[in-house]
N, C-alpha and C. Protein backbone atom coordinates (compact mmCIF):
# COMPACT_ATOMS: atom_id res chain seq x y z
N MET A 1 0.83 -1.18 0.00
CA MET A 1 0.00 0.00 0.00
C MET A 1 0.88 1.24 0.00
N THR A 2 0.44 2.21 -0.74
CA THR A 2 1.16 3.47 -0.76
C THR A 2 0.21 4.60 -0.40
N ILE A 3 0.79 5.68 0.07
CA ILE A 3 0.00 6.87 0.37
C ILE A 3 0.60 8.03 -0.40
N ASP A 4 -0.27 8.98 -0.75
CA ASP A 4 0.23 10.14 -1.46
C ASP A 4 0.64 11.22 -0.44
N ALA A 5 1.16 12.33 -0.94
CA ALA A 5 1.68 13.39 -0.07
C ALA A 5 0.58 13.98 0.82
N THR A 6 -0.62 14.13 0.29
CA THR A 6 -1.72 14.69 1.09
C THR A 6 -2.12 13.72 2.20
N GLU A 7 -2.19 12.44 1.89
CA GLU A 7 -2.51 11.45 2.91
C GLU A 7 -1.45 11.44 4.01
N ARG A 8 -0.21 11.55 3.62
CA ARG A 8 0.90 11.60 4.60
C ARG A 8 0.72 12.82 5.51
N ARG A 9 0.36 13.96 4.95
CA ARG A 9 0.16 15.17 5.74
C ARG A 9 -1.03 15.01 6.69
N ILE A 10 -2.09 14.36 6.24
CA ILE A 10 -3.26 14.14 7.10
C ILE A 10 -2.88 13.23 8.26
N ILE A 11 -2.15 12.17 7.99
CA ILE A 11 -1.72 11.26 9.05
C ILE A 11 -0.85 12.00 10.05
N ALA A 12 0.12 12.77 9.56
CA ALA A 12 1.01 13.51 10.45
C ALA A 12 0.23 14.51 11.31
N ALA A 13 -0.79 15.13 10.73
CA ALA A 13 -1.57 16.13 11.46
C ALA A 13 -2.51 15.52 12.49
N THR A 14 -2.88 14.26 12.34
CA THR A 14 -3.86 13.64 13.24
C THR A 14 -3.27 12.59 14.16
N GLN A 15 -2.02 12.21 13.98
CA GLN A 15 -1.47 11.09 14.74
C GLN A 15 -1.34 11.37 16.23
N SER A 16 -1.29 12.62 16.62
CA SER A 16 -1.21 12.93 18.06
C SER A 16 -2.59 13.15 18.66
N GLY A 17 -3.61 13.02 17.84
CA GLY A 17 -4.98 13.18 18.33
C GLY A 17 -5.70 14.30 17.63
N LEU A 18 -7.01 14.25 17.71
CA LEU A 18 -7.86 15.29 17.16
C LEU A 18 -8.24 16.26 18.26
N SER A 19 -8.53 17.50 17.89
CA SER A 19 -8.98 18.50 18.86
C SER A 19 -10.33 18.08 19.42
N LEU A 20 -10.54 18.34 20.69
CA LEU A 20 -11.81 18.02 21.32
C LEU A 20 -12.78 19.19 21.10
N THR A 21 -13.24 19.27 19.87
CA THR A 21 -14.17 20.32 19.46
C THR A 21 -15.30 19.69 18.66
N ALA A 22 -16.29 20.50 18.35
CA ALA A 22 -17.42 20.01 17.56
C ALA A 22 -17.01 19.66 16.13
N SER A 23 -15.96 20.28 15.62
CA SER A 23 -15.53 20.07 14.23
C SER A 23 -14.03 19.82 14.14
N PRO A 24 -13.55 18.69 14.67
CA PRO A 24 -12.09 18.46 14.67
C PRO A 24 -11.50 18.34 13.28
N TYR A 25 -12.27 17.82 12.32
CA TYR A 25 -11.73 17.65 10.97
C TYR A 25 -11.60 19.00 10.27
N ALA A 26 -12.43 19.95 10.64
CA ALA A 26 -12.32 21.30 10.07
C ALA A 26 -11.01 21.95 10.52
N ILE A 27 -10.61 21.68 11.75
CA ILE A 27 -9.35 22.23 12.25
C ILE A 27 -8.18 21.63 11.47
N VAL A 28 -8.20 20.32 11.28
CA VAL A 28 -7.15 19.64 10.49
C VAL A 28 -7.14 20.21 9.08
N ALA A 29 -8.32 20.35 8.49
CA ALA A 29 -8.43 20.89 7.13
C ALA A 29 -7.81 22.28 7.05
N GLY A 30 -8.11 23.12 8.02
CA GLY A 30 -7.55 24.47 8.02
C GLY A 30 -6.04 24.48 8.12
N GLN A 31 -5.49 23.56 8.91
CA GLN A 31 -4.03 23.46 9.05
C GLN A 31 -3.36 23.04 7.75
N LEU A 32 -4.08 22.23 6.96
CA LEU A 32 -3.49 21.64 5.75
C LEU A 32 -3.93 22.31 4.46
N GLY A 33 -4.80 23.30 4.54
CA GLY A 33 -5.29 23.96 3.33
C GLY A 33 -6.23 23.09 2.52
N LEU A 34 -7.00 22.25 3.19
CA LEU A 34 -7.97 21.36 2.55
C LEU A 34 -9.36 21.72 3.04
N THR A 35 -10.37 21.09 2.47
CA THR A 35 -11.72 21.25 3.00
C THR A 35 -11.97 20.16 4.04
N GLU A 36 -12.91 20.42 4.93
CA GLU A 36 -13.27 19.43 5.93
C GLU A 36 -13.77 18.15 5.26
N ASP A 37 -14.58 18.28 4.21
CA ASP A 37 -15.10 17.11 3.50
C ASP A 37 -13.97 16.29 2.90
N GLU A 38 -12.94 16.97 2.39
CA GLU A 38 -11.81 16.24 1.79
C GLU A 38 -11.05 15.45 2.86
N VAL A 39 -10.83 16.05 4.02
CA VAL A 39 -10.14 15.34 5.10
C VAL A 39 -10.94 14.11 5.52
N ILE A 40 -12.25 14.28 5.72
CA ILE A 40 -13.10 13.16 6.13
C ILE A 40 -13.11 12.07 5.07
N ALA A 41 -13.25 12.45 3.81
CA ALA A 41 -13.29 11.46 2.72
C ALA A 41 -11.96 10.72 2.59
N ARG A 42 -10.87 11.44 2.69
CA ARG A 42 -9.56 10.79 2.56
C ARG A 42 -9.29 9.85 3.73
N MET A 43 -9.69 10.26 4.94
CA MET A 43 -9.48 9.39 6.10
C MET A 43 -10.36 8.13 5.99
N ALA A 44 -11.58 8.30 5.50
CA ALA A 44 -12.46 7.14 5.31
C ALA A 44 -11.87 6.20 4.25
N ASP A 45 -11.31 6.77 3.19
CA ASP A 45 -10.70 5.95 2.14
C ASP A 45 -9.47 5.22 2.68
N MET A 46 -8.63 5.91 3.47
CA MET A 46 -7.45 5.26 4.04
C MET A 46 -7.87 4.14 5.00
N GLN A 47 -8.96 4.34 5.72
CA GLN A 47 -9.44 3.28 6.61
C GLN A 47 -9.94 2.09 5.79
N ALA A 48 -10.67 2.36 4.71
CA ALA A 48 -11.18 1.29 3.85
C ALA A 48 -10.03 0.50 3.21
N ARG A 49 -8.92 1.17 2.92
CA ARG A 49 -7.76 0.52 2.32
C ARG A 49 -6.85 -0.14 3.35
N GLY A 50 -7.14 0.03 4.63
CA GLY A 50 -6.34 -0.60 5.67
C GLY A 50 -5.12 0.19 6.09
N ILE A 51 -4.99 1.41 5.63
CA ILE A 51 -3.86 2.26 6.02
C ILE A 51 -4.09 2.78 7.44
N ILE A 52 -5.32 3.16 7.73
CA ILE A 52 -5.73 3.55 9.08
C ILE A 52 -6.63 2.42 9.58
N ARG A 53 -6.29 1.85 10.73
CA ARG A 53 -7.12 0.77 11.27
C ARG A 53 -8.37 1.30 11.94
N ARG A 54 -8.22 2.37 12.69
CA ARG A 54 -9.36 2.91 13.42
C ARG A 54 -9.06 4.32 13.90
N ILE A 55 -10.12 4.99 14.26
CA ILE A 55 -10.02 6.29 14.91
C ILE A 55 -10.67 6.07 16.27
N ALA A 56 -9.89 6.21 17.33
CA ALA A 56 -10.40 5.83 18.65
C ALA A 56 -9.79 6.71 19.73
N LEU A 57 -10.43 6.68 20.88
CA LEU A 57 -9.90 7.34 22.07
C LEU A 57 -8.83 6.48 22.70
N ALA A 58 -7.87 7.10 23.33
CA ALA A 58 -6.86 6.40 24.12
C ALA A 58 -6.89 7.01 25.51
N PRO A 59 -7.86 6.57 26.34
CA PRO A 59 -8.02 7.21 27.65
C PRO A 59 -6.88 6.87 28.61
N ASN A 60 -6.67 7.77 29.55
CA ASN A 60 -5.76 7.52 30.65
C ASN A 60 -6.61 6.91 31.76
N HIS A 61 -6.55 5.60 31.92
CA HIS A 61 -7.41 4.90 32.86
C HIS A 61 -7.15 5.35 34.30
N TYR A 62 -5.93 5.70 34.62
CA TYR A 62 -5.63 6.18 35.96
C TYR A 62 -6.38 7.48 36.25
N ALA A 63 -6.39 8.39 35.28
CA ALA A 63 -7.09 9.67 35.46
C ALA A 63 -8.59 9.46 35.59
N LEU A 64 -9.10 8.37 35.04
CA LEU A 64 -10.53 8.06 35.13
C LEU A 64 -10.88 7.30 36.41
N GLY A 65 -9.87 7.07 37.27
CA GLY A 65 -10.12 6.39 38.54
C GLY A 65 -9.95 4.89 38.48
N MET A 66 -9.57 4.36 37.33
CA MET A 66 -9.35 2.93 37.21
C MET A 66 -7.89 2.64 37.55
N LEU A 67 -7.65 2.42 38.83
CA LEU A 67 -6.29 2.32 39.33
C LEU A 67 -5.69 0.93 39.23
N ALA A 68 -6.53 -0.07 38.97
CA ALA A 68 -6.05 -1.44 38.81
C ALA A 68 -6.32 -1.87 37.37
N ASN A 69 -5.27 -2.09 36.63
CA ASN A 69 -5.38 -2.46 35.22
C ASN A 69 -4.45 -3.63 34.99
N GLY A 70 -5.02 -4.71 34.46
CA GLY A 70 -4.20 -5.91 34.28
C GLY A 70 -4.38 -6.52 32.91
N MET A 71 -3.27 -6.90 32.30
CA MET A 71 -3.32 -7.65 31.05
C MET A 71 -3.46 -9.11 31.41
N SER A 72 -4.65 -9.65 31.15
CA SER A 72 -4.87 -11.07 31.42
C SER A 72 -4.48 -11.87 30.18
N VAL A 73 -3.91 -13.03 30.41
CA VAL A 73 -3.49 -13.91 29.32
C VAL A 73 -4.13 -15.27 29.53
N TRP A 74 -4.53 -15.90 28.42
CA TRP A 74 -5.35 -17.10 28.49
C TRP A 74 -4.85 -18.15 27.51
N ASP A 75 -4.71 -19.37 28.00
CA ASP A 75 -4.35 -20.52 27.15
C ASP A 75 -5.67 -21.16 26.73
N VAL A 76 -6.14 -20.78 25.56
CA VAL A 76 -7.45 -21.20 25.07
C VAL A 76 -7.28 -22.16 23.89
N ASP A 77 -8.12 -23.16 23.84
CA ASP A 77 -8.14 -24.11 22.72
C ASP A 77 -8.17 -23.33 21.41
N ASP A 78 -7.23 -23.62 20.53
CA ASP A 78 -7.10 -22.88 19.27
C ASP A 78 -8.36 -22.93 18.41
N THR A 79 -9.11 -24.02 18.48
CA THR A 79 -10.31 -24.13 17.64
C THR A 79 -11.44 -23.24 18.14
N LYS A 80 -11.34 -22.75 19.37
CA LYS A 80 -12.39 -21.92 19.96
C LYS A 80 -11.92 -20.50 20.27
N ALA A 81 -10.64 -20.24 20.09
CA ALA A 81 -10.05 -18.98 20.53
C ALA A 81 -10.68 -17.76 19.86
N GLU A 82 -10.92 -17.80 18.57
CA GLU A 82 -11.46 -16.63 17.88
C GLU A 82 -12.88 -16.31 18.35
N THR A 83 -13.72 -17.31 18.41
CA THR A 83 -15.11 -17.10 18.86
C THR A 83 -15.15 -16.61 20.30
N LEU A 84 -14.41 -17.27 21.17
CA LEU A 84 -14.39 -16.87 22.57
C LEU A 84 -13.70 -15.51 22.75
N GLY A 85 -12.67 -15.26 21.96
CA GLY A 85 -12.00 -13.96 22.03
C GLY A 85 -12.93 -12.81 21.69
N ASP A 86 -13.83 -13.02 20.72
CA ASP A 86 -14.82 -11.99 20.39
C ASP A 86 -15.73 -11.71 21.58
N LYS A 87 -16.12 -12.75 22.30
CA LYS A 87 -16.98 -12.58 23.48
C LYS A 87 -16.26 -11.81 24.58
N VAL A 88 -15.00 -12.15 24.80
CA VAL A 88 -14.21 -11.47 25.83
C VAL A 88 -14.01 -10.00 25.44
N GLY A 89 -13.68 -9.75 24.18
CA GLY A 89 -13.44 -8.39 23.73
C GLY A 89 -14.67 -7.50 23.81
N ALA A 90 -15.86 -8.10 23.81
CA ALA A 90 -17.11 -7.33 23.88
C ALA A 90 -17.49 -6.95 25.31
N LEU A 91 -16.78 -7.48 26.30
CA LEU A 91 -17.11 -7.16 27.69
C LEU A 91 -16.83 -5.69 27.98
N PRO A 92 -17.68 -5.02 28.73
CA PRO A 92 -17.52 -3.58 28.95
C PRO A 92 -16.27 -3.20 29.76
N PHE A 93 -15.72 -4.12 30.51
CA PHE A 93 -14.54 -3.82 31.32
C PHE A 93 -13.23 -4.22 30.63
N VAL A 94 -13.31 -4.71 29.40
CA VAL A 94 -12.12 -5.06 28.61
C VAL A 94 -11.93 -3.97 27.56
N SER A 95 -10.82 -3.23 27.65
CA SER A 95 -10.59 -2.15 26.68
C SER A 95 -10.08 -2.67 25.35
N HIS A 96 -9.30 -3.73 25.38
CA HIS A 96 -8.83 -4.33 24.13
C HIS A 96 -8.44 -5.78 24.38
N SER A 97 -8.64 -6.56 23.36
CA SER A 97 -8.24 -7.96 23.42
C SER A 97 -7.75 -8.38 22.05
N TYR A 98 -6.90 -9.37 22.03
CA TYR A 98 -6.36 -9.84 20.76
C TYR A 98 -5.80 -11.23 20.90
N LEU A 99 -5.65 -11.89 19.77
CA LEU A 99 -5.04 -13.21 19.71
C LEU A 99 -3.60 -13.05 19.23
N ARG A 100 -2.71 -13.84 19.79
CA ARG A 100 -1.31 -13.85 19.37
C ARG A 100 -0.85 -15.29 19.27
N PRO A 101 0.11 -15.56 18.39
CA PRO A 101 0.64 -16.93 18.31
C PRO A 101 1.34 -17.30 19.63
N ARG A 102 1.26 -18.54 19.97
CA ARG A 102 1.97 -19.03 21.15
C ARG A 102 3.48 -19.03 20.86
N ALA A 103 4.26 -18.92 21.91
CA ALA A 103 5.71 -18.95 21.77
C ALA A 103 6.26 -20.07 22.65
N PRO A 104 7.46 -20.55 22.37
CA PRO A 104 8.04 -21.59 23.22
C PRO A 104 8.07 -21.13 24.69
N GLY A 105 7.50 -21.94 25.57
CA GLY A 105 7.46 -21.59 26.98
C GLY A 105 6.36 -20.61 27.36
N TRP A 106 5.56 -20.21 26.39
CA TRP A 106 4.47 -19.24 26.62
C TRP A 106 3.20 -19.82 26.00
N PRO A 107 2.34 -20.43 26.80
CA PRO A 107 1.18 -21.14 26.25
C PRO A 107 -0.01 -20.25 25.89
N TYR A 108 0.05 -18.97 26.20
CA TYR A 108 -1.12 -18.11 26.07
C TYR A 108 -1.30 -17.56 24.65
N CYS A 109 -2.55 -17.55 24.21
CA CYS A 109 -2.84 -17.03 22.87
C CYS A 109 -3.86 -15.90 22.89
N LEU A 110 -4.64 -15.76 23.97
CA LEU A 110 -5.65 -14.72 24.08
C LEU A 110 -5.23 -13.73 25.16
N PHE A 111 -5.24 -12.46 24.81
CA PHE A 111 -4.86 -11.38 25.72
C PHE A 111 -6.06 -10.46 25.88
N ALA A 112 -6.32 -10.00 27.11
CA ALA A 112 -7.44 -9.09 27.36
C ALA A 112 -7.07 -8.13 28.48
N MET A 113 -7.13 -6.83 28.20
CA MET A 113 -6.83 -5.82 29.20
C MET A 113 -8.08 -5.54 30.02
N ILE A 114 -7.97 -5.78 31.34
CA ILE A 114 -9.09 -5.62 32.27
C ILE A 114 -8.84 -4.37 33.12
N HIS A 115 -9.89 -3.57 33.29
CA HIS A 115 -9.77 -2.34 34.08
C HIS A 115 -10.72 -2.37 35.26
N GLY A 116 -10.26 -1.81 36.38
CA GLY A 116 -11.09 -1.70 37.57
C GLY A 116 -10.51 -0.71 38.55
N ASN A 117 -11.24 -0.45 39.60
CA ASN A 117 -10.79 0.49 40.63
C ASN A 117 -9.81 -0.14 41.60
N THR A 118 -9.92 -1.46 41.81
CA THR A 118 -9.04 -2.18 42.72
C THR A 118 -8.63 -3.50 42.07
N ARG A 119 -7.57 -4.08 42.59
CA ARG A 119 -7.16 -5.39 42.09
C ARG A 119 -8.21 -6.45 42.38
N ALA A 120 -8.88 -6.32 43.52
CA ALA A 120 -9.95 -7.28 43.85
C ALA A 120 -11.06 -7.21 42.80
N GLU A 121 -11.39 -6.00 42.35
CA GLU A 121 -12.41 -5.85 41.30
C GLU A 121 -11.94 -6.48 40.00
N VAL A 122 -10.69 -6.27 39.65
CA VAL A 122 -10.14 -6.86 38.43
C VAL A 122 -10.16 -8.38 38.53
N GLU A 123 -9.83 -8.92 39.70
CA GLU A 123 -9.85 -10.38 39.88
C GLU A 123 -11.27 -10.93 39.72
N GLU A 124 -12.28 -10.20 40.18
CA GLU A 124 -13.67 -10.63 39.98
C GLU A 124 -14.02 -10.64 38.49
N LYS A 125 -13.56 -9.64 37.77
CA LYS A 125 -13.81 -9.58 36.33
C LYS A 125 -13.05 -10.69 35.61
N ARG A 126 -11.87 -11.00 36.10
CA ARG A 126 -11.09 -12.11 35.53
C ARG A 126 -11.84 -13.42 35.69
N LYS A 127 -12.50 -13.60 36.84
CA LYS A 127 -13.31 -14.80 37.05
C LYS A 127 -14.46 -14.88 36.06
N LEU A 128 -15.05 -13.73 35.72
CA LEU A 128 -16.13 -13.71 34.73
C LEU A 128 -15.62 -14.17 33.36
N ILE A 129 -14.43 -13.72 33.02
CA ILE A 129 -13.83 -14.16 31.74
C ILE A 129 -13.60 -15.67 31.79
N ALA A 130 -13.08 -16.16 32.90
CA ALA A 130 -12.83 -17.60 33.03
C ALA A 130 -14.12 -18.40 32.85
N GLU A 131 -15.23 -17.86 33.36
CA GLU A 131 -16.53 -18.54 33.18
C GLU A 131 -16.93 -18.58 31.71
N ILE A 132 -16.70 -17.48 31.00
CA ILE A 132 -17.02 -17.43 29.57
C ILE A 132 -16.18 -18.45 28.81
N LEU A 133 -14.90 -18.53 29.14
CA LEU A 133 -13.99 -19.43 28.43
C LEU A 133 -14.22 -20.90 28.80
N GLY A 134 -14.68 -21.15 30.01
CA GLY A 134 -15.02 -22.50 30.44
C GLY A 134 -13.91 -23.51 30.23
N ASP A 135 -14.29 -24.69 29.78
CA ASP A 135 -13.35 -25.80 29.58
C ASP A 135 -12.37 -25.56 28.44
N ALA A 136 -12.65 -24.58 27.60
CA ALA A 136 -11.73 -24.27 26.49
C ALA A 136 -10.45 -23.62 26.98
N CYS A 137 -10.45 -23.16 28.24
CA CYS A 137 -9.27 -22.50 28.81
C CYS A 137 -8.53 -23.47 29.72
N ARG A 138 -7.24 -23.63 29.41
CA ARG A 138 -6.41 -24.54 30.20
C ARG A 138 -5.70 -23.83 31.36
N SER A 139 -5.33 -22.56 31.16
CA SER A 139 -4.67 -21.80 32.23
C SER A 139 -4.75 -20.31 31.89
N ASN A 140 -4.45 -19.48 32.90
CA ASN A 140 -4.43 -18.04 32.68
C ASN A 140 -3.54 -17.38 33.71
N ASP A 141 -3.22 -16.14 33.45
CA ASP A 141 -2.41 -15.35 34.37
C ASP A 141 -2.75 -13.88 34.13
N ILE A 142 -2.18 -13.00 34.94
CA ILE A 142 -2.43 -11.57 34.76
C ILE A 142 -1.18 -10.80 35.16
N LEU A 143 -0.92 -9.73 34.42
CA LEU A 143 0.18 -8.83 34.72
C LEU A 143 -0.43 -7.46 34.97
N TYR A 144 -0.24 -6.93 36.17
CA TYR A 144 -0.82 -5.63 36.52
C TYR A 144 0.08 -4.49 36.07
N SER A 145 -0.55 -3.44 35.60
CA SER A 145 0.16 -2.23 35.20
C SER A 145 0.57 -1.46 36.45
N THR A 146 1.72 -0.82 36.36
CA THR A 146 2.14 0.07 37.43
C THR A 146 2.25 1.50 36.94
N ARG A 147 2.29 1.67 35.61
CA ARG A 147 2.30 3.01 35.01
C ARG A 147 2.01 2.86 33.53
N ILE A 148 1.65 3.97 32.90
CA ILE A 148 1.39 3.97 31.46
C ILE A 148 2.72 4.17 30.75
N LEU A 149 3.04 3.26 29.86
CA LEU A 149 4.30 3.34 29.12
C LEU A 149 4.11 3.95 27.75
N LYS A 150 2.99 3.67 27.09
CA LYS A 150 2.81 4.14 25.72
C LYS A 150 1.32 4.25 25.43
N LYS A 151 0.91 5.37 24.88
CA LYS A 151 -0.48 5.55 24.49
C LYS A 151 -0.53 6.18 23.09
N THR A 152 0.35 5.76 22.22
CA THR A 152 0.38 6.31 20.89
C THR A 152 0.50 5.18 19.86
N GLY A 153 0.15 5.49 18.66
CA GLY A 153 0.35 4.56 17.57
C GLY A 153 1.63 4.89 16.83
N MET A 154 1.73 4.38 15.64
CA MET A 154 2.88 4.64 14.80
C MET A 154 3.00 6.14 14.51
N ARG A 155 4.19 6.62 14.36
CA ARG A 155 4.43 8.03 14.04
C ARG A 155 4.98 8.13 12.62
N ILE A 156 4.55 9.16 11.91
CA ILE A 156 5.00 9.40 10.55
C ILE A 156 5.39 10.87 10.47
N SER A 157 6.40 11.18 9.68
CA SER A 157 6.78 12.59 9.54
C SER A 157 5.84 13.28 8.56
N GLY A 158 5.75 14.58 8.64
CA GLY A 158 4.82 15.33 7.80
C GLY A 158 5.32 15.54 6.38
N GLY A 159 6.57 15.25 6.10
CA GLY A 159 7.11 15.47 4.75
C GLY A 159 6.54 14.52 3.73
N SER A 160 6.85 14.74 2.47
CA SER A 160 6.33 13.87 1.41
C SER A 160 7.33 12.85 0.97
């Protein structure tokens, strides 16, 4: 996939986030000398082509009062992992989940970030996930966050 110079400029202008205003795309358009409709159309086209995966919020869970955040990992039967992973990812207390290939010495293939106010709350939510996974899950573990390390995606320069 390739992007043209205008698409590169749009990505560079939006990669740190959009303004929290009623018309964030108009602000980007003004910065780049484009129309708001052109920015929206180009971003939709880049998303359709797979250049942009999504436009989403990246909240600071600590600032929202969610002081216990844990990446849970699950050793799930490969034949059921995708279906069960979709169910886990749809839970309101899971911000993101994904499947990864197993590695030598690492049996886990399903990852799910669980958020809560306390570790006890996160452990209760972890039990709910275990109930959903049932017999398809052989083992699980959790790694608790102690600080935010990264809340950004890929970076691109504004040049052409």
